[in-house]
């Protein structure tokens, strides 16, 4: 998976990963990549509190949900809103 990292400050602001890879990749490739790099993602989440994925080939809510599940852990449901 090809990406660049934005905001690599050592503080609690989110780390930003900007996708620079092949446009023919799909969400299953992103899920596999997250799973195989789970240790790195855990480190980023611990240090930064959030990881923003920008420009990745996630075209549907289902694509996004599958990638989130790749992180492991418990699912957090969003209820309500403004």
Protein backbone atom coordinates (compact mmCIF):
# COMPACT_ATOMS: atom_id res chain seq x y z
CA UNK A 1 0.00 0.00 0.00
CA UNK A 2 1.50 3.33 -0.99
CA UNK A 3 0.84 6.35 1.21
CA UNK A 4 2.42 9.46 2.61
CA UNK A 5 2.22 10.51 6.23
CA UNK A 6 1.00 13.96 7.18
CA UNK A 7 1.05 15.40 10.70
CA UNK A 8 3.74 13.32 12.32
CA UNK A 9 4.00 15.52 15.40
CA UNK A 10 4.62 13.59 18.59
CA UNK A 11 1.44 14.74 20.28
CA UNK A 12 -2.16 13.69 20.56
CA UNK A 13 -3.32 15.07 17.21
CA UNK A 14 -4.45 12.51 14.62
CA UNK A 15 -1.93 11.08 12.20
CA UNK A 16 -2.98 11.48 8.56
CA UNK A 17 -2.26 8.83 5.93
CA UNK A 18 -2.72 10.05 2.36
CA UNK A 19 -3.17 7.28 -0.21
CA UNK A 20 -0.81 7.54 -3.20
CA UNK A 21 -1.20 4.03 -4.57
CA UNK A 22 -2.72 2.39 -7.58
CA UNK A 23 -6.27 3.53 -8.36
CA UNK A 24 -7.24 -0.04 -9.24
CA UNK A 25 -6.81 -1.23 -5.63
CA UNK A 26 -10.00 -1.87 -3.70
CA UNK A 27 -11.14 -1.89 -0.08
CA UNK A 28 -10.13 -5.53 0.43
CA UNK A 29 -6.51 -4.55 -0.21
CA UNK A 30 -6.79 -1.79 2.38
CA UNK A 31 -8.26 -4.24 4.92
CA UNK A 32 -5.46 -6.74 4.30
CA UNK A 33 -2.86 -3.99 4.63
CA UNK A 34 -4.33 -2.81 7.94
CA UNK A 35 -4.39 -6.37 9.31
CA UNK A 36 -0.79 -7.03 8.28
CA UNK A 37 0.35 -3.75 9.86
CA UNK A 38 -1.83 -3.89 12.96
CA UNK A 39 1.13 -3.32 15.30
CA UNK A 40 2.00 -0.03 13.55
CA UNK A 41 -1.63 1.10 13.59
CA UNK A 42 -1.87 0.28 17.31
CA UNK A 43 1.21 2.41 17.94
CA UNK A 44 -0.24 5.30 15.92
CA UNK A 45 -3.59 5.03 17.73
CA UNK A 46 -1.86 4.96 21.12
CA UNK A 47 0.32 7.97 20.29
CA UNK A 48 -2.09 10.07 18.22
CA UNK A 49 -5.56 8.93 19.32
CA UNK A 50 -6.77 8.57 15.73
CA UNK A 51 -5.61 7.64 12.25
CA UNK A 52 -7.19 9.51 9.35
CA UNK A 53 -7.19 7.64 6.03
CA UNK A 54 -7.45 10.09 3.14
CA UNK A 55 -7.93 9.17 -0.49
CA UNK A 56 -7.99 5.41 0.12
CA UNK A 57 -10.24 3.36 -2.18
CA UNK A 58 -13.16 3.18 0.25
CA UNK A 59 -16.21 3.98 -1.82
CA UNK A 60 -19.12 2.73 0.27
CA UNK A 61 -20.07 2.65 3.95
CA UNK A 62 -19.55 -1.13 3.78
CA UNK A 63 -15.97 -0.64 2.51
CA UNK A 64 -15.26 1.68 5.42
CA UNK A 65 -16.86 -0.68 7.97
CA UNK A 66 -14.74 -3.60 6.74
CA UNK A 67 -11.54 -1.60 7.08
CA UNK A 68 -12.51 -0.47 10.59
CA UNK A 69 -13.08 -4.12 11.54
CA UNK A 70 -9.54 -4.84 10.31
CA UNK A 71 -8.18 -2.74 13.16
CA UNK A 72 -9.55 -5.32 15.60
CA UNK A 73 -11.08 -4.50 18.93
CA UNK A 74 -14.69 -3.83 19.73
CA UNK A 75 -17.01 -2.06 17.33
CA UNK A 76 -18.23 1.32 18.53
CA UNK A 77 -21.64 2.22 17.18
CA UNK A 78 -22.53 5.80 16.38
CA UNK A 79 -25.98 6.69 17.61
CA UNK A 80 -27.76 9.97 17.30
CA UNK A 81 -26.13 13.10 16.12
CA UNK A 82 -27.21 16.61 15.47
